[in-house]
Amino acid sequence: MNDDANLVKLGQIFDGFAEFVEDPSEGELPQQRILPYLFGNRHQHDLGMIDSSAAEITVTVGGKDYAIKQSPGLLTSARAGGTTGAAVWRTTSLLAEWFVSSDNPLFKSGLLDETCTLLELGAGVAGLLPLVVAPQIKTYHATDQSYALKLLQENISANSTSKKRNTKSPNHADVRLSSLDWELDDVNHFLSSHDLSDGLDLIVASDCVYNYHLIEPLTNICAAICRHRGRNLRPTLCLIAQQVREPNVFEEWLTAFSQHFHVWRFTDSTLGAALGIQSGYY
C-alpha cells in the first residue's frame, strides 16, 4: 500500500511507545494481552456498557462532564443488523480519556495533529470521541449504521458548547456523520463521495470485535480503506480499542488482521495507570 521507507519510519516512531506483534497465530494469548493499539478488560462480569438501562448518563472525560443520551429500548429490540451502538461502552470512555491526555503518544509523536483526517467505524450514539478528538485535528468522520446517527448528532450538538484548552472550540470542530455498513456499502463509492480519495490518516474502532461474524467485515473494510491512501503519503494507521470478552474471538480477529497489517501494541507505560496491567485494562 505504501513504500518500505514509510513503514520503516513508522516502525522507528512506534518503537518509542509500542511493541511489535510478530505473529499472533503462534503462541497463546497471555492474560488477553496481545493487543495492537488496544485496551481490553479481562473482567467479564458484564458486557462493558456503563449503564445500559439509563436513557441519559454523565461521563467525565478530561475533567469535563458530558451528558450522553442512550436508547435502552433500541438496545433491547430485535432490530436486524444489531443494536449495540445504542448504548455507551466503557471502552469508549477510556479511549476518550486516553486521547485527551497530554502524554498521548499519537499527538506527542506527531502521528496526529491539526492537519489529520480521522474516520471512526462503529461510532455508536455516544459522541465522546468526536467531542474530544475533533478539536485537535482537521476532520473527524464518525460512521455507523443509520439507526445510530440521529442520537449521535444530538449528543455531539448538546455537548459542543464550551471551549477546550489549546484547541478549537468543539462547536467549530469539523465533525461529519455518515452511514457506513461494513458488509453492504461500497468502500470506493463511500470514500469518493466524501472527498476522501487520498484516504485517511487514522481509522478508529472502539469495541467493535465482539463476535466471530464481525471479524471478516471489520478486517476487510479497514484494509479496503487503507488501500486508498496516496502512495506518497504516510500509511493509514488503524487504532483498535477492545474489551476482551471472549479471548478466542479476539485472537481469531487479530490473526486475520495481521494478514493485512503490521501490528503493534501499546506498552503499559504508554497506557498509564488507568489502563495498565494492574487496573485490568490493557
C-alpha atoms as a PDB file:
ATOM      1  CA  MET A   1       0.000   0.000   0.000  1.00  0.00           C
ATOM      2  CA  ASN A   2       2.904   2.341   0.767  1.00  0.00           C
ATOM      3  CA  ASP A   3       6.649   2.212   0.201  1.00  0.00           C
ATOM      4  CA  ASP A   4       9.056   0.468   2.561  1.00  0.00           C
ATOM      5  CA  ALA A   5      10.671   3.727   3.656  1.00  0.00           C
ATOM      6  CA  ASN A   6       7.377   4.928   5.131  1.00  0.00           C
ATOM      7  CA  LEU A   7       6.934   1.659   7.012  1.00  0.00           C
ATOM      8  CA  VAL A   8      10.470   1.791   8.384  1.00  0.00           C
ATOM      9  CA  LYS A   9       9.914   5.354   9.565  1.00  0.00           C
ATOM     10  CA  LEU A  10       6.665   4.409  11.286  1.00  0.00           C
ATOM     11  CA  GLY A  11       8.341   1.457  12.958  1.00  0.00           C
ATOM     12  CA  GLN A  12      11.014   3.746  14.356  1.00  0.00           C
ATOM     13  CA  ILE A  13       8.339   6.026  15.807  1.00  0.00           C
ATOM     14  CA  PHE A  14       6.365   3.129  17.294  1.00  0.00           C
ATOM     15  CA  ASP A  15       9.481   1.757  18.969  1.00  0.00           C
ATOM     16  CA  GLY A  16       9.193   4.625  21.447  1.00  0.00           C
ATOM     17  CA  PHE A  17       5.839   3.552  22.863  1.00  0.00           C
ATOM     18  CA  ALA A  18       4.714   0.220  21.409  1.00  0.00           C
ATOM     19  CA  GLU A  19       5.770  -3.386  20.902  1.00  0.00           C
ATOM     20  CA  PHE A  20       5.656  -5.123  17.532  1.00  0.00           C
ATOM     21  CA  VAL A  21       3.437  -8.229  17.406  1.00  0.00           C
ATOM     22  CA  GLU A  22       5.492 -10.785  15.469  1.00  0.00           C
ATOM     23  CA  ASP A  23       2.906 -13.477  14.680  1.00  0.00           C
ATOM     24  CA  PRO A  24      -0.287 -13.739  16.755  1.00  0.00           C
ATOM     25  CA  SER A  25      -1.080 -17.141  15.248  1.00  0.00           C
ATOM     26  CA  GLU A  26       1.930 -18.629  17.027  1.00  0.00           C
ATOM     27  CA  GLY A  27       1.594 -18.970  20.776  1.00  0.00           C
ATOM     28  CA  GLU A  28      -1.051 -18.194  23.363  1.00  0.00           C
ATOM     29  CA  LEU A  29      -2.934 -15.070  24.346  1.00  0.00           C
ATOM     30  CA  PRO A  30      -1.318 -14.413  27.754  1.00  0.00           C
ATOM     31  CA  GLN A  31      -3.849 -12.705  30.012  1.00  0.00           C
ATOM     32  CA  GLN A  32      -5.580 -11.381  26.888  1.00  0.00           C
ATOM     33  CA  ARG A  33      -2.645  -9.028  26.255  1.00  0.00           C
ATOM     34  CA  ILE A  34      -1.727  -9.496  22.578  1.00  0.00           C
ATOM     35  CA  LEU A  35      -3.044  -6.090  21.640  1.00  0.00           C
ATOM     36  CA  PRO A  36      -2.492  -3.678  18.755  1.00  0.00           C
ATOM     37  CA  TYR A  37      -3.281  -0.070  19.740  1.00  0.00           C
ATOM     38  CA  LEU A  38      -5.703  -1.665  22.108  1.00  0.00           C
ATOM     39  CA  PHE A  39      -7.142  -1.758  25.563  1.00  0.00           C
ATOM     40  CA  GLY A  40      -9.210  -4.710  26.752  1.00  0.00           C
ATOM     41  CA  ASN A  41     -10.910  -5.618  30.014  1.00  0.00           C
ATOM     42  CA  ARG A  42     -10.312  -9.118  31.369  1.00  0.00           C
ATOM     43  CA  HIS A  43     -13.162  -8.779  33.893  1.00  0.00           C
ATOM     44  CA  GLN A  44     -16.083 -10.464  32.168  1.00  0.00           C
ATOM     45  CA  HIS A  45     -18.837  -9.966  34.742  1.00  0.00           C
ATOM     46  CA  ASP A  46     -20.654  -7.526  32.447  1.00  0.00           C
ATOM     47  CA  LEU A  47     -20.854  -6.736  28.760  1.00  0.00           C
ATOM     48  CA  GLY A  48     -18.997  -3.464  29.160  1.00  0.00           C
ATOM     49  CA  MET A  49     -21.772  -0.871  28.940  1.00  0.00           C
ATOM     50  CA  ILE A  50     -21.603   1.924  31.514  1.00  0.00           C
ATOM     51  CA  ASP A  51     -25.349   1.762  32.312  1.00  0.00           C
ATOM     52  CA  SER A  52     -27.481   0.140  29.635  1.00  0.00           C
ATOM     53  CA  SER A  53     -30.798   0.859  31.390  1.00  0.00           C
ATOM     54  CA  ALA A  54     -30.446   4.656  31.615  1.00  0.00           C
ATOM     55  CA  ALA A  55     -31.853   6.994  28.983  1.00  0.00           C
ATOM     56  CA  GLU A  56     -29.122   9.511  29.819  1.00  0.00           C
ATOM     57  CA  ILE A  57     -25.792   9.181  31.607  1.00  0.00           C
ATOM     58  CA  THR A  58     -22.993  11.544  32.579  1.00  0.00           C
ATOM     59  CA  VAL A  59     -19.463  10.620  31.529  1.00  0.00           C
ATOM     60  CA  THR A  60     -16.431  12.596  32.700  1.00  0.00           C
ATOM     61  CA  VAL A  61     -13.512  12.901  30.279  1.00  0.00           C
ATOM     62  CA  GLY A  62     -10.538  15.152  30.868  1.00  0.00           C
ATOM     63  CA  GLY A  63     -12.256  16.765  33.847  1.00  0.00           C
ATOM     64  CA  LYS A  64     -15.321  17.728  31.794  1.00  0.00           C
ATOM     65  CA  ASP A  65     -18.782  16.204  32.226  1.00  0.00           C
ATOM     66  CA  TYR A  66     -20.654  15.065  29.127  1.00  0.00           C
ATOM     67  CA  ALA A  67     -24.404  14.365  29.242  1.00  0.00           C
ATOM     68  CA  ILE A  68     -24.960  11.480  26.841  1.00  0.00           C
ATOM     69  CA  LYS A  69     -28.348  10.163  25.720  1.00  0.00           C
ATOM     70  CA  GLN A  70     -28.809   6.447  25.059  1.00  0.00           C
ATOM     71  CA  SER A  71     -31.667   4.318  23.720  1.00  0.00           C
ATOM     72  CA  PRO A  72     -32.377   1.385  26.078  1.00  0.00           C
ATOM     73  CA  GLY A  73     -35.434   0.461  24.026  1.00  0.00           C
ATOM     74  CA  LEU A  74     -33.468   0.206  20.808  1.00  0.00           C
ATOM     75  CA  LEU A  75     -30.686  -1.679  22.568  1.00  0.00           C
ATOM     76  CA  THR A  76     -33.075  -4.452  23.614  1.00  0.00           C
ATOM     77  CA  SER A  77     -35.017  -4.533  20.354  1.00  0.00           C
ATOM     78  CA  ALA A  78     -34.770  -7.247  17.720  1.00  0.00           C
ATOM     79  CA  ARG A  79     -33.567  -4.870  15.010  1.00  0.00           C
ATOM     80  CA  ALA A  80     -31.794  -6.689  12.182  1.00  0.00           C
ATOM     81  CA  GLY A  81     -28.158  -5.696  11.844  1.00  0.00           C
ATOM     82  CA  GLY A  82     -27.550  -5.176  15.555  1.00  0.00           C
ATOM     83  CA  THR A  83     -28.229  -2.515  18.178  1.00  0.00           C
ATOM     84  CA  THR A  84     -25.029  -2.417  20.239  1.00  0.00           C
ATOM     85  CA  GLY A  85     -24.341   1.175  19.218  1.00  0.00           C
ATOM     86  CA  ALA A  86     -27.411   2.385  21.138  1.00  0.00           C
ATOM     87  CA  ALA A  87     -25.503   2.485  24.464  1.00  0.00           C
ATOM     88  CA  VAL A  88     -22.236   3.955  25.747  1.00  0.00           C
ATOM     89  CA  TRP A  89     -19.459   1.411  26.197  1.00  0.00           C
ATOM     90  CA  ARG A  90     -16.799   1.696  28.880  1.00  0.00           C
ATOM     91  CA  THR A  91     -14.001   1.131  26.377  1.00  0.00           C
ATOM     92  CA  THR A  92     -15.018   4.285  24.512  1.00  0.00           C
ATOM     93  CA  SER A  93     -14.869   6.454  27.628  1.00  0.00           C
ATOM     94  CA  LEU A  94     -11.410   5.073  28.475  1.00  0.00           C
ATOM     95  CA  LEU A  95     -10.206   5.670  24.931  1.00  0.00           C
ATOM     96  CA  ALA A  96     -11.541   9.231  25.035  1.00  0.00           C
ATOM     97  CA  GLU A  97      -9.691   9.871  28.308  1.00  0.00           C
ATOM     98  CA  TRP A  98      -6.510   8.487  26.753  1.00  0.00           C
ATOM     99  CA  PHE A  99      -6.867  10.777  23.742  1.00  0.00           C
ATOM    100  CA  VAL A 100      -7.078  13.937  25.871  1.00  0.00           C
ATOM    101  CA  SER A 101      -4.009  13.079  27.939  1.00  0.00           C
ATOM    102  CA  SER A 102      -1.118  15.493  27.475  1.00  0.00           C
ATOM    103  CA  ASP A 103       1.113  12.418  27.124  1.00  0.00           C
ATOM    104  CA  ASN A 104      -0.918  10.832  24.324  1.00  0.00           C
ATOM    105  CA  PRO A 105       1.730   9.181  22.104  1.00  0.00           C
ATOM    106  CA  LEU A 106      -0.073   9.763  18.820  1.00  0.00           C
ATOM    107  CA  PHE A 107      -0.160  13.535  19.299  1.00  0.00           C
ATOM    108  CA  LYS A 108       3.200  13.696  21.060  1.00  0.00           C
ATOM    109  CA  SER A 109       4.933  11.849  18.232  1.00  0.00           C
ATOM    110  CA  GLY A 110       3.278  13.939  15.531  1.00  0.00           C
ATOM    111  CA  LEU A 111       1.347  11.000  14.085  1.00  0.00           C
ATOM    112  CA  LEU A 112      -1.789  13.026  14.798  1.00  0.00           C
ATOM    113  CA  ASP A 113      -2.049  16.791  14.516  1.00  0.00           C
ATOM    114  CA  GLU A 114      -4.297  19.587  13.257  1.00  0.00           C
ATOM    115  CA  THR A 115      -3.774  18.542   9.613  1.00  0.00           C
ATOM    116  CA  CYS A 116      -5.085  14.985  10.047  1.00  0.00           C
ATOM    117  CA  THR A 117      -8.307  13.333   8.926  1.00  0.00           C
ATOM    118  CA  LEU A 118      -9.765  10.517  11.037  1.00  0.00           C
ATOM    119  CA  LEU A 119     -12.591   8.059  10.419  1.00  0.00           C
ATOM    120  CA  GLU A 120     -14.313   6.155  13.209  1.00  0.00           C
ATOM    121  CA  LEU A 121     -16.006   2.844  12.443  1.00  0.00           C
ATOM    122  CA  GLY A 122     -18.991   1.816  14.571  1.00  0.00           C
ATOM    123  CA  ALA A 123     -19.188   5.160  16.352  1.00  0.00           C
ATOM    124  CA  GLY A 124     -22.481   4.402  18.102  1.00  0.00           C
ATOM    125  CA  VAL A 125     -24.522   7.129  19.783  1.00  0.00           C
ATOM    126  CA  ALA A 126     -22.079   8.406  22.426  1.00  0.00           C
ATOM    127  CA  GLY A 127     -20.123  11.031  20.504  1.00  0.00           C
ATOM    128  CA  LEU A 128     -17.356  11.098  23.118  1.00  0.00           C
ATOM    129  CA  LEU A 129     -14.516  10.507  20.677  1.00  0.00           C
ATOM    130  CA  PRO A 130     -15.637  13.142  18.154  1.00  0.00           C
ATOM    131  CA  LEU A 131     -16.133  15.605  21.002  1.00  0.00           C
ATOM    132  CA  VAL A 132     -12.617  15.250  22.404  1.00  0.00           C
ATOM    133  CA  VAL A 133     -10.585  14.382  19.301  1.00  0.00           C
ATOM    134  CA  ALA A 134     -12.122  16.544  16.560  1.00  0.00           C
ATOM    135  CA  PRO A 135     -10.954  19.864  18.081  1.00  0.00           C
ATOM    136  CA  GLN A 136      -7.363  18.611  17.825  1.00  0.00           C
ATOM    137  CA  ILE A 137      -7.416  17.502  14.165  1.00  0.00           C
ATOM    138  CA  LYS A 138      -8.659  18.721  10.778  1.00  0.00           C
ATOM    139  CA  THR A 139     -11.691  16.499  10.137  1.00  0.00           C
ATOM    140  CA  TYR A 140     -13.411  13.723  12.081  1.00  0.00           C
ATOM    141  CA  HIS A 141     -15.694  11.329  10.160  1.00  0.00           C
ATOM    142  CA  ALA A 142     -17.954   9.395  12.551  1.00  0.00           C
ATOM    143  CA  THR A 143     -19.665   6.457  10.852  1.00  0.00           C
ATOM    144  CA  ASP A 144     -22.144   3.783  11.837  1.00  0.00           C
ATOM    145  CA  GLN A 145     -25.374   2.261  10.608  1.00  0.00           C
ATOM    146  CA  SER A 146     -28.085   4.843  10.042  1.00  0.00           C
ATOM    147  CA  TYR A 147     -30.061   3.966  13.198  1.00  0.00           C
ATOM    148  CA  ALA A 148     -27.347   5.464  15.438  1.00  0.00           C
ATOM    149  CA  LEU A 149     -26.729   8.743  13.632  1.00  0.00           C
ATOM    150  CA  LYS A 150     -29.667  10.832  14.890  1.00  0.00           C
ATOM    151  CA  LEU A 151     -28.852  10.321  18.567  1.00  0.00           C
ATOM    152  CA  LEU A 152     -25.140  10.632  17.832  1.00  0.00           C
ATOM    153  CA  GLN A 153     -25.752  14.056  16.300  1.00  0.00           C
ATOM    154  CA  GLU A 154     -27.889  15.090  19.276  1.00  0.00           C
ATOM    155  CA  ASN A 155     -25.159  14.126  21.741  1.00  0.00           C
ATOM    156  CA  ILE A 156     -22.443  15.948  19.810  1.00  0.00           C
ATOM    157  CA  SER A 157     -24.572  19.082  19.443  1.00  0.00           C
ATOM    158  CA  ALA A 158     -25.677  19.097  23.095  1.00  0.00           C
ATOM    159  CA  ASN A 159     -22.107  18.850  24.368  1.00  0.00           C
ATOM    160  CA  SER A 160     -20.451  21.224  21.891  1.00  0.00           C
ATOM    161  CA  THR A 161     -20.842  24.477  23.783  1.00  0.00           C
ATOM    162  CA  SER A 162     -17.664  25.048  25.785  1.00  0.00           C
ATOM    163  CA  LYS A 163     -14.082  25.613  24.680  1.00  0.00           C
ATOM    164  CA  LYS A 164     -11.232  23.221  25.314  1.00  0.00           C
ATOM    165  CA  ARG A 165      -7.808  24.492  26.299  1.00  0.00           C
ATOM    166  CA  ASN A 166      -5.331  24.953  23.425  1.00  0.00           C
ATOM    167  CA  THR A 167      -7.748  23.631  20.796  1.00  0.00           C
ATOM    168  CA  LYS A 168     -10.569  24.780  18.595  1.00  0.00           C
ATOM    169  CA  SER A 169     -13.902  25.141  20.342  1.00  0.00           C
ATOM    170  CA  PRO A 170     -15.864  21.846  19.950  1.00  0.00           C
ATOM    171  CA  ASN A 171     -18.688  23.654  18.165  1.00  0.00           C
ATOM    172  CA  HIS A 172     -16.184  24.743  15.499  1.00  0.00           C
ATOM    173  CA  ALA A 173     -14.590  21.311  15.129  1.00  0.00           C
ATOM    174  CA  ASP A 174     -15.244  19.627  11.792  1.00  0.00           C
ATOM    175  CA  VAL A 175     -17.267  16.514  12.625  1.00  0.00           C
ATOM    176  CA  ARG A 176     -19.062  14.743   9.788  1.00  0.00           C
ATOM    177  CA  LEU A 177     -21.562  11.941  10.364  1.00  0.00           C
ATOM    178  CA  SER A 178     -22.181   9.285   7.724  1.00  0.00           C
ATOM    179  CA  SER A 179     -23.891   5.941   7.389  1.00  0.00           C
ATOM    180  CA  LEU A 180     -21.434   3.137   6.626  1.00  0.00           C
ATOM    181  CA  ASP A 181     -22.324  -0.554   6.701  1.00  0.00           C
ATOM    182  CA  TRP A 182     -19.182  -2.716   6.671  1.00  0.00           C
ATOM    183  CA  GLU A 183     -20.887  -5.558   4.815  1.00  0.00           C
ATOM    184  CA  LEU A 184     -23.214  -3.774   2.403  1.00  0.00           C
ATOM    185  CA  ASP A 185     -21.656  -0.463   1.381  1.00  0.00           C
ATOM    186  CA  ASP A 186     -19.107   0.032  -1.372  1.00  0.00           C
ATOM    187  CA  VAL A 187     -15.942   1.490   0.170  1.00  0.00           C
ATOM    188  CA  ASN A 188     -14.747   3.057  -3.091  1.00  0.00           C
ATOM    189  CA  HIS A 189     -18.004   4.938  -3.513  1.00  0.00           C
ATOM    190  CA  PHE A 190     -18.074   5.990   0.137  1.00  0.00           C
ATOM    191  CA  LEU A 191     -14.577   7.467   0.040  1.00  0.00           C
ATOM    192  CA  SER A 192     -15.011   9.262  -3.276  1.00  0.00           C
ATOM    193  CA  SER A 193     -18.400  10.689  -2.291  1.00  0.00           C
ATOM    194  CA  HIS A 194     -16.960  12.037   0.977  1.00  0.00           C
ATOM    195  CA  ASP A 195     -13.913  13.663  -0.620  1.00  0.00           C
ATOM    196  CA  LEU A 196     -11.587  11.020   0.818  1.00  0.00           C
ATOM    197  CA  SER A 197      -9.974   9.767  -2.378  1.00  0.00           C
ATOM    198  CA  ASP A 198      -6.491  10.171  -0.862  1.00  0.00           C
ATOM    199  CA  GLY A 199      -7.504   8.118   2.150  1.00  0.00           C
ATOM    200  CA  LEU A 200      -7.186   8.875   5.847  1.00  0.00           C
ATOM    201  CA  ASP A 201      -4.538   9.407   8.484  1.00  0.00           C
ATOM    202  CA  LEU A 202      -6.240   7.255  11.116  1.00  0.00           C
ATOM    203  CA  ILE A 203      -9.076   4.738  11.411  1.00  0.00           C
ATOM    204  CA  VAL A 204     -10.520   4.182  14.904  1.00  0.00           C
ATOM    205  CA  ALA A 205     -12.740   1.302  16.028  1.00  0.00           C
ATOM    206  CA  SER A 206     -13.763   1.098  19.682  1.00  0.00           C
ATOM    207  CA  ASP A 207     -15.253  -2.167  20.983  1.00  0.00           C
ATOM    208  CA  CYS A 208     -16.158  -3.484  17.537  1.00  0.00           C
ATOM    209  CA  VAL A 209     -14.705  -7.008  17.890  1.00  0.00           C
ATOM    210  CA  TYR A 210     -17.286  -8.928  19.901  1.00  0.00           C
ATOM    211  CA  ASN A 211     -18.327 -11.924  17.781  1.00  0.00           C
ATOM    212  CA  TYR A 212     -16.948 -14.130  15.025  1.00  0.00           C
ATOM    213  CA  HIS A 213     -19.337 -12.721  12.415  1.00  0.00           C
ATOM    214  CA  LEU A 214     -17.702  -9.280  12.573  1.00  0.00           C
ATOM    215  CA  ILE A 215     -14.108 -10.426  12.117  1.00  0.00           C
ATOM    216  CA  GLU A 216     -14.083 -10.576   8.324  1.00  0.00           C
ATOM    217  CA  PRO A 217     -16.147  -7.407   7.660  1.00  0.00           C
ATOM    218  CA  LEU A 218     -14.102  -5.286  10.071  1.00  0.00           C
ATOM    219  CA  THR A 219     -10.791  -6.566   8.736  1.00  0.00           C
ATOM    220  CA  ASN A 220     -11.850  -6.140   5.115  1.00  0.00           C
ATOM    221  CA  ILE A 221     -13.160  -2.604   5.471  1.00  0.00           C
ATOM    222  CA  CYS A 222     -10.018  -1.456   7.280  1.00  0.00           C
ATOM    223  CA  ALA A 223      -7.854  -2.977   4.542  1.00  0.00           C
ATOM    224  CA  ALA A 224     -10.009  -1.514   1.768  1.00  0.00           C
ATOM    225  CA  ILE A 225      -9.847   1.990   3.240  1.00  0.00           C
ATOM    226  CA  CYS A 226      -6.090   1.765   3.713  1.00  0.00           C
ATOM    227  CA  ARG A 227      -5.591   0.780   0.074  1.00  0.00           C
ATOM    228  CA  HIS A 228      -6.898   4.204  -0.928  1.00  0.00           C
ATOM    229  CA  ARG A 229      -4.045   6.045   0.742  1.00  0.00           C
ATOM    230  CA  GLY A 230      -1.946   8.090  -1.677  1.00  0.00           C
ATOM    231  CA  ARG A 231       1.356   6.321  -2.303  1.00  0.00           C
ATOM    232  CA  ASN A 232       3.444   9.350  -1.381  1.00  0.00           C
ATOM    233  CA  LEU A 233       1.535   9.890   1.863  1.00  0.00           C
ATOM    234  CA  ARG A 234       2.175   8.301   5.233  1.00  0.00           C
ATOM    235  CA  PRO A 235       0.321   4.965   5.573  1.00  0.00           C
ATOM    236  CA  THR A 236      -3.084   4.986   7.202  1.00  0.00           C
ATOM    237  CA  LEU A 237      -2.989   3.844  10.837  1.00  0.00           C
ATOM    238  CA  CYS A 238      -5.697   1.717  12.467  1.00  0.00           C
ATOM    239  CA  LEU A 239      -6.376   2.156  16.180  1.00  0.00           C
ATOM    240  CA  ILE A 240      -8.386  -0.728  17.626  1.00  0.00           C
ATOM    241  CA  ALA A 241      -9.611  -0.499  21.239  1.00  0.00           C
ATOM    242  CA  GLN A 242     -11.360  -3.542  22.624  1.00  0.00           C
ATOM    243  CA  GLN A 243     -12.794  -5.151  25.727  1.00  0.00           C
ATOM    244  CA  VAL A 244     -11.803  -8.818  25.536  1.00  0.00           C
ATOM    245  CA  ARG A 245     -14.936 -10.745  26.455  1.00  0.00           C
ATOM    246  CA  GLU A 246     -14.089 -13.927  24.582  1.00  0.00           C
ATOM    247  CA  PRO A 247     -10.336 -14.441  24.041  1.00  0.00           C
ATOM    248  CA  ASN A 248     -10.868 -16.859  21.142  1.00  0.00           C
ATOM    249  CA  VAL A 249     -12.856 -14.280  19.179  1.00  0.00           C
ATOM    250  CA  PHE A 250     -10.237 -11.643  19.764  1.00  0.00           C
ATOM    251  CA  GLU A 251      -7.350 -13.940  18.896  1.00  0.00           C
ATOM    252  CA  GLU A 252      -9.014 -15.020  15.646  1.00  0.00           C
ATOM    253  CA  TRP A 253      -9.615 -11.396  14.703  1.00  0.00           C
ATOM    254  CA  LEU A 254      -6.020 -10.440  15.490  1.00  0.00           C
ATOM    255  CA  THR A 255      -4.725 -13.307  13.363  1.00  0.00           C
ATOM    256  CA  ALA A 256      -6.933 -12.205  10.452  1.00  0.00           C
ATOM    257  CA  PHE A 257      -5.969  -8.556  10.898  1.00  0.00           C
ATOM    258  CA  SER A 258      -2.283  -9.420  10.882  1.00  0.00           C
ATOM    259  CA  GLN A 259      -2.619 -10.894   7.395  1.00  0.00           C
ATOM    260  CA  HIS A 260      -3.163  -7.344   6.109  1.00  0.00           C
ATOM    261  CA  PHE A 261      -1.363  -5.120   8.613  1.00  0.00           C
ATOM    262  CA  HIS A 262       1.823  -4.669  10.606  1.00  0.00           C
ATOM    263  CA  VAL A 263       0.573  -4.774  14.211  1.00  0.00           C
ATOM    264  CA  TRP A 264       1.901  -3.079  17.340  1.00  0.00           C
ATOM    265  CA  ARG A 265       0.544  -2.983  20.890  1.00  0.00           C
ATOM    266  CA  PHE A 266       0.998  -0.107  23.311  1.00  0.00           C
ATOM    267  CA  THR A 267       3.261  -0.662  26.301  1.00  0.00           C
ATOM    268  CA  ASP A 268       1.824  -0.445  29.812  1.00  0.00           C
ATOM    269  CA  SER A 269       3.868   2.687  30.488  1.00  0.00           C
ATOM    270  CA  THR A 270       2.227   4.350  27.485  1.00  0.00           C
ATOM    271  CA  LEU A 271      -1.264   3.372  28.587  1.00  0.00           C
ATOM    272  CA  GLY A 272      -0.840   4.861  32.064  1.00  0.00           C
ATOM    273  CA  ALA A 273      -2.145   3.743  35.442  1.00  0.00           C
ATOM    274  CA  ALA A 274      -5.819   3.760  34.447  1.00  0.00           C
ATOM    275  CA  LEU A 275      -5.250   1.315  31.601  1.00  0.00           C
ATOM    276  CA  GLY A 276      -2.166  -0.619  32.698  1.00  0.00           C
ATOM    277  CA  ILE A 277      -1.948  -4.237  33.755  1.00  0.00           C
ATOM    278  CA  GLN A 278      -2.776  -3.585  37.426  1.00  0.00           C
ATOM    279  CA  SER A 279      -6.100  -1.971  36.503  1.00  0.00           C
ATOM    280  CA  GLY A 280      -7.375  -4.931  34.484  1.00  0.00           C
ATOM    281  CA  TYR A 281      -7.448  -2.825  31.300  1.00  0.00           C
ATOM    282  CA  TYR A 282      -4.801  -3.299  28.635  1.00  0.00           C
END
